[in-house]
PDB file of N, CA and C in Angstrom:
ATOM      1  N   MET A   1     -21.211   4.468   2.900  1.00  0.00           N
ATOM      2  CA  MET A   1     -20.342   3.784   3.841  1.00  0.00           C
ATOM      3  C   MET A   1     -19.527   2.730   3.088  1.00  0.00           C
ATOM      4  N   PRO A   2     -18.230   2.681   3.323  1.00  0.00           N
ATOM      5  CA  PRO A   2     -17.387   1.704   2.632  1.00  0.00           C
ATOM      6  C   PRO A   2     -17.448   0.322   3.288  1.00  0.00           C
ATOM      7  N   VAL A   3     -17.072  -0.691   2.506  1.00  0.00           N
ATOM      8  CA  VAL A   3     -16.997  -2.065   2.996  1.00  0.00           C
ATOM      9  C   VAL A   3     -15.544  -2.343   3.387  1.00  0.00           C
ATOM     10  N   TYR A   4     -15.351  -2.829   4.611  1.00  0.00           N
ATOM     11  CA  TYR A   4     -14.017  -3.173   5.101  1.00  0.00           C
ATOM     12  C   TYR A   4     -13.990  -4.630   5.519  1.00  0.00           C
ATOM     13  N   GLU A   5     -12.778  -5.205   5.571  1.00  0.00           N
ATOM     14  CA  GLU A   5     -12.595  -6.553   6.090  1.00  0.00           C
ATOM     15  C   GLU A   5     -12.017  -6.452   7.497  1.00  0.00           C
ATOM     16  N   PHE A   6     -12.463  -7.367   8.352  1.00  0.00           N
ATOM     17  CA  PHE A   6     -12.016  -7.423   9.739  1.00  0.00           C
ATOM     18  C   PHE A   6     -11.572  -8.843  10.050  1.00  0.00           C
ATOM     19  N   GLU A   7     -10.547  -8.969  10.926  1.00  0.00           N
ATOM     20  CA  GLU A   7     -10.050 -10.287  11.340  1.00  0.00           C
ATOM     21  C   GLU A   7      -9.937 -10.320  12.857  1.00  0.00           C
ATOM     22  N   CYS A   8     -10.461 -11.401  13.449  1.00  0.00           N
ATOM     23  CA  CYS A   8     -10.371 -11.562  14.900  1.00  0.00           C
ATOM     24  C   CYS A   8      -9.130 -12.393  15.242  1.00  0.00           C
ATOM     25  N   GLU A   9      -8.857 -12.560  16.531  1.00  0.00           N
ATOM     26  CA  GLU A   9      -7.681 -13.315  16.969  1.00  0.00           C
ATOM     27  C   GLU A   9      -7.772 -14.797  16.610  1.00  0.00           C
ATOM     28  N   SER A  10      -8.985 -15.302  16.402  1.00  0.00           N
ATOM     29  CA  SER A  10      -9.165 -16.700  16.003  1.00  0.00           C
ATOM     30  C   SER A  10      -8.923 -16.919  14.518  1.00  0.00           C
ATOM     31  N   GLY A  11      -8.783 -15.830  13.758  1.00  0.00           N
ATOM     32  CA  GLY A  11      -8.499 -15.932  12.338  1.00  0.00           C
ATOM     33  C   GLY A  11      -9.711 -15.827  11.432  1.00  0.00           C
ATOM     34  N   HIS A  12     -10.875 -15.567  11.999  1.00  0.00           N
ATOM     35  CA  HIS A  12     -12.069 -15.391  11.171  1.00  0.00           C
ATOM     36  C   HIS A  12     -11.997 -14.044  10.461  1.00  0.00           C
ATOM     37  N   VAL A  13     -12.228 -14.045   9.150  1.00  0.00           N
ATOM     38  CA  VAL A  13     -12.249 -12.810   8.372  1.00  0.00           C
ATOM     39  C   VAL A  13     -13.676 -12.553   7.937  1.00  0.00           C
ATOM     40  N   THR A  14     -14.174 -11.350   8.227  1.00  0.00           N
ATOM     41  CA  THR A  14     -15.524 -10.970   7.851  1.00  0.00           C
ATOM     42  C   THR A  14     -15.502  -9.601   7.183  1.00  0.00           C
ATOM     43  N   GLU A  15     -16.549  -9.317   6.430  1.00  0.00           N
ATOM     44  CA  GLU A  15     -16.701  -8.020   5.796  1.00  0.00           C
ATOM     45  C   GLU A  15     -17.792  -7.242   6.505  1.00  0.00           C
ATOM     46  N   GLY A  16     -17.669  -5.937   6.483  1.00  0.00           N
ATOM     47  CA  GLY A  16     -18.696  -5.125   7.103  1.00  0.00           C
ATOM     48  C   GLY A  16     -18.850  -3.777   6.423  1.00  0.00           C
ATOM     49  N   LEU A  17     -20.078  -3.353   6.279  1.00  0.00           N
ATOM     50  CA  LEU A  17     -20.395  -2.027   5.766  1.00  0.00           C
ATOM     51  C   LEU A  17     -20.478  -1.116   6.980  1.00  0.00           C
ATOM     52  N   VAL A  18     -19.385  -0.369   7.236  1.00  0.00           N
ATOM     53  CA  VAL A  18     -19.263   0.399   8.464  1.00  0.00           C
ATOM     54  C   VAL A  18     -18.886   1.848   8.164  1.00  0.00           C
ATOM     55  N   LYS A  19     -18.994   2.697   9.179  1.00  0.00           N
ATOM     56  CA  LYS A  19     -18.586   4.093   9.039  1.00  0.00           C
ATOM     57  C   LYS A  19     -17.081   4.176   8.805  1.00  0.00           C
ATOM     58  N   LEU A  20     -16.662   5.269   8.224  1.00  0.00           N
ATOM     59  CA  LEU A  20     -15.276   5.455   7.813  1.00  0.00           C
ATOM     60  C   LEU A  20     -14.261   5.304   8.944  1.00  0.00           C
ATOM     61  N   GLY A  21     -14.525   5.804  10.129  1.00  0.00           N
ATOM     62  CA  GLY A  21     -13.560   5.780  11.213  1.00  0.00           C
ATOM     63  C   GLY A  21     -13.570   4.522  12.076  1.00  0.00           C
ATOM     64  N   THR A  22     -14.327   3.501  11.708  1.00  0.00           N
ATOM     65  CA  THR A  22     -14.442   2.292  12.522  1.00  0.00           C
ATOM     66  C   THR A  22     -13.127   1.514  12.519  1.00  0.00           C
ATOM     67  N   LYS A  23     -12.591   1.211  13.704  1.00  0.00           N
ATOM     68  CA  LYS A  23     -11.323   0.484  13.827  1.00  0.00           C
ATOM     69  C   LYS A  23     -11.521  -1.010  14.099  1.00  0.00           C
ATOM     70  N   GLU A  24     -12.599  -1.341  14.825  1.00  0.00           N
ATOM     71  CA  GLU A  24     -12.865  -2.743  15.130  1.00  0.00           C
ATOM     72  C   GLU A  24     -14.355  -2.978  15.317  1.00  0.00           C
ATOM     73  N   VAL A  25     -14.750  -4.241  15.119  1.00  0.00           N
ATOM     74  CA  VAL A  25     -16.141  -4.667  15.294  1.00  0.00           C
ATOM     75  C   VAL A  25     -16.133  -5.981  16.061  1.00  0.00           C
ATOM     76  N   ASP A  26     -17.301  -6.452  16.460  1.00  0.00           N
ATOM     77  CA  ASP A  26     -17.408  -7.769  17.081  1.00  0.00           C
ATOM     78  C   ASP A  26     -17.499  -8.827  15.991  1.00  0.00           C
ATOM     79  N   CYS A  27     -16.720  -9.893  16.109  1.00  0.00           N
ATOM     80  CA  CYS A  27     -16.738 -10.987  15.149  1.00  0.00           C
ATOM     81  C   CYS A  27     -18.089 -11.700  15.237  1.00  0.00           C
ATOM     82  N   PRO A  28     -18.785 -11.888  14.117  1.00  0.00           N
ATOM     83  CA  PRO A  28     -20.085 -12.554  14.169  1.00  0.00           C
ATOM     84  C   PRO A  28     -19.997 -14.054  14.465  1.00  0.00           C
ATOM     85  N   LYS A  29     -18.800 -14.653  14.324  1.00  0.00           N
ATOM     86  CA  LYS A  29     -18.649 -16.094  14.554  1.00  0.00           C
ATOM     87  C   LYS A  29     -18.285 -16.431  15.995  1.00  0.00           C
ATOM     88  N   CYS A  30     -17.427 -15.601  16.632  1.00  0.00           N
ATOM     89  CA  CYS A  30     -16.954 -15.945  17.972  1.00  0.00           C
ATOM     90  C   CYS A  30     -17.123 -14.803  18.987  1.00  0.00           C
ATOM     91  N   ASN A  31     -17.639 -13.659  18.562  1.00  0.00           N
ATOM     92  CA  ASN A  31     -17.897 -12.493  19.412  1.00  0.00           C
ATOM     93  C   ASN A  31     -16.647 -11.858  20.011  1.00  0.00           C
ATOM     94  N   GLN A  32     -15.467 -12.156  19.488  1.00  0.00           N
ATOM     95  CA  GLN A  32     -14.245 -11.467  19.906  1.00  0.00           C
ATOM     96  C   GLN A  32     -14.141 -10.163  19.117  1.00  0.00           C
ATOM     97  N   LYS A  33     -13.263  -9.283  19.551  1.00  0.00           N
ATOM     98  CA  LYS A  33     -13.021  -8.051  18.808  1.00  0.00           C
ATOM     99  C   LYS A  33     -12.252  -8.386  17.529  1.00  0.00           C
ATOM    100  N   ALA A  34     -12.723  -7.857  16.405  1.00  0.00           N
ATOM    101  CA  ALA A  34     -12.069  -8.055  15.113  1.00  0.00           C
ATOM    102  C   ALA A  34     -11.545  -6.711  14.634  1.00  0.00           C
ATOM    103  N   LYS A  35     -10.257  -6.665  14.274  1.00  0.00           N
ATOM    104  CA  LYS A  35      -9.624  -5.426  13.841  1.00  0.00           C
ATOM    105  C   LYS A  35      -9.654  -5.310  12.323  1.00  0.00           C
ATOM    106  N   LYS A  36      -9.676  -4.059  11.855  1.00  0.00           N
ATOM    107  CA  LYS A  36      -9.692  -3.794  10.422  1.00  0.00           C
ATOM    108  C   LYS A  36      -8.367  -4.228   9.808  1.00  0.00           C
ATOM    109  N   ILE A  37      -8.434  -4.882   8.665  1.00  0.00           N
ATOM    110  CA  ILE A  37      -7.227  -5.319   7.963  1.00  0.00           C
ATOM    111  C   ILE A  37      -7.206  -4.698   6.574  1.00  0.00           C
ATOM    112  N   ILE A  38      -6.035  -4.727   5.957  1.00  0.00           N
ATOM    113  CA  ILE A  38      -5.899  -4.212   4.594  1.00  0.00           C
ATOM    114  C   ILE A  38      -6.290  -5.332   3.642  1.00  0.00           C
ATOM    115  N   SER A  39      -7.241  -5.054   2.782  1.00  0.00           N
ATOM    116  CA  SER A  39      -7.744  -6.042   1.832  1.00  0.00           C
ATOM    117  C   SER A  39      -6.917  -6.046   0.560  1.00  0.00           C
ATOM    118  N   LEU A  40      -6.980  -7.158  -0.152  1.00  0.00           N
ATOM    119  CA  LEU A  40      -6.367  -7.214  -1.468  1.00  0.00           C
ATOM    120  C   LEU A  40      -7.194  -6.377  -2.433  1.00  0.00           C
ATOM    121  N   CYS A  41      -6.535  -5.780  -3.348  1.00  0.00           N
ATOM    122  CA  CYS A  41      -7.218  -4.924  -4.317  1.00  0.00           C
ATOM    123  C   CYS A  41      -7.474  -5.709  -5.599  1.00  0.00           C
ATOM    124  N   ALA A  42      -8.655  -5.563  -6.150  1.00  0.00           N
ATOM    125  CA  ALA A  42      -9.003  -6.243  -7.392  1.00  0.00           C
ATOM    126  C   ALA A  42      -8.843  -5.332  -8.602  1.00  0.00           C
ATOM    127  N   PHE A  43      -8.328  -4.130  -8.400  1.00  0.00           N
ATOM    128  CA  PHE A  43      -8.145  -3.170  -9.482  1.00  0.00           C
ATOM    129  C   PHE A  43      -6.906  -3.527 -10.279  1.00  0.00           C
ATOM    130  N   GLU A  44      -7.035  -3.596 -11.603  1.00  0.00           N
ATOM    131  CA  GLU A  44      -5.912  -3.977 -12.449  1.00  0.00           C
ATOM    132  C   GLU A  44      -6.017  -3.248 -13.783  1.00  0.00           C
ATOM    133  N   LEU A  45      -4.915  -2.684 -14.225  1.00  0.00           N
ATOM    134  CA  LEU A  45      -4.882  -2.042 -15.534  1.00  0.00           C
ATOM    135  C   LEU A  45      -4.285  -3.018 -16.536  1.00  0.00           C
ATOM    136  N   LYS A  46      -5.001  -3.269 -17.627  1.00  0.00           N
ATOM    137  CA  LYS A  46      -4.522  -4.184 -18.665  1.00  0.00           C
ATOM    138  C   LYS A  46      -4.672  -3.523 -20.025  1.00  0.00           C
ATOM    139  N   GLY A  47      -3.855  -3.956 -20.966  1.00  0.00           N
ATOM    140  CA  GLY A  47      -4.017  -3.525 -22.347  1.00  0.00           C
ATOM    141  C   GLY A  47      -3.665  -2.076 -22.582  1.00  0.00           C
ATOM    142  N   GLY A  48      -4.263  -1.511 -23.622  1.00  0.00           N
ATOM    143  CA  GLY A  48      -3.983  -0.136 -24.026  1.00  0.00           C
ATOM    144  C   GLY A  48      -4.562   0.867 -23.064  1.00  0.00           C
ATOM    145  N   GLY A  49      -5.797   1.225 -23.274  1.00  0.00           N
ATOM    146  CA  GLY A  49      -6.503   2.117 -22.362  1.00  0.00           C
ATOM    147  C   GLY A  49      -5.860   3.473 -22.199  1.00  0.00           C
ATOM    148  N   TRP A  50      -6.048   4.083 -21.018  1.00  0.00           N
ATOM    149  CA  TRP A  50      -5.600   5.447 -20.765  1.00  0.00           C
ATOM    150  C   TRP A  50      -4.088   5.595 -20.865  1.00  0.00           C
ATOM    151  N   TYR A  51      -3.324   4.582 -20.487  1.00  0.00           N
ATOM    152  CA  TYR A  51      -1.873   4.688 -20.490  1.00  0.00           C
ATOM    153  C   TYR A  51      -1.349   4.823 -21.927  1.00  0.00           C
ATOM    154  N   ALA A  52      -1.877   4.042 -22.823  1.00  0.00           N
ATOM    155  CA  ALA A  52      -1.430   4.076 -24.223  1.00  0.00           C
ATOM    156  C   ALA A  52      -1.999   5.279 -24.966  1.00  0.00           C
ATOM    157  N   ASP A  53      -2.984   5.942 -24.444  1.00  0.00           N
ATOM    158  CA  ASP A  53      -3.634   7.055 -25.131  1.00  0.00           C
ATOM    159  C   ASP A  53      -2.988   8.408 -24.847  1.00  0.00           C
ATOM    160  N   GLY A  54      -1.804   8.447 -24.293  1.00  0.00           N
ATOM    161  CA  GLY A  54      -1.112   9.719 -24.126  1.00  0.00           C
ATOM    162  C   GLY A  54      -0.891  10.172 -22.709  1.00  0.00           C
ATOM    163  N   TYR A  55      -1.182   9.362 -21.718  1.00  0.00           N
ATOM    164  CA  TYR A  55      -0.976   9.783 -20.343  1.00  0.00           C
ATOM    165  C   TYR A  55       0.308   9.214 -19.731  1.00  0.00           C
ATOM    166  N   SER A  56       1.098   8.537 -20.512  1.00  0.00           N
ATOM    167  CA  SER A  56       2.341   7.991 -19.984  1.00  0.00           C
ATOM    168  C   SER A  56       3.382   9.105 -19.874  1.00  0.00           C
ATOM    169  N   SER A  57       4.440   8.865 -19.124  1.00  0.00           N
ATOM    170  CA  SER A  57       5.454   9.891 -18.903  1.00  0.00           C
ATOM    171  C   SER A  57       6.458   9.978 -20.046  1.00  0.00           C
ATOM    172  N   SER A  58       6.574   8.945 -20.857  1.00  0.00           N
ATOM    173  CA  SER A  58       7.529   8.979 -21.963  1.00  0.00           C
ATOM    174  C   SER A  58       6.821   9.327 -23.269  1.00  0.00           C
ATOM    175  N   LYS A  59       7.523  10.055 -24.122  1.00  0.00           N
ATOM    176  CA  LYS A  59       6.968  10.442 -25.427  1.00  0.00           C
ATOM    177  C   LYS A  59       7.396   9.410 -26.467  1.00  0.00           C
ATOM    178  N   LYS A  60       6.488   9.118 -27.392  1.00  0.00           N
ATOM    179  CA  LYS A  60       6.816   8.166 -28.455  1.00  0.00           C
ATOM    180  C   LYS A  60       7.245   8.903 -29.702  1.00  0.00           C
TER     181      LYS A  60
END
């Protein structure tokens, strides 16, 4: 089960380990309905790695 972030109308943001199709949950702080939001991604490509090793679109 993936972890999603939810935000209620009061602005509380919480995380939840929920089933894939879950659209909303109850806010644990105020018991209002909290809707799923798009989270910031922590994935970042830096340095050489796969891109410099021959997977880029341009030839050197």
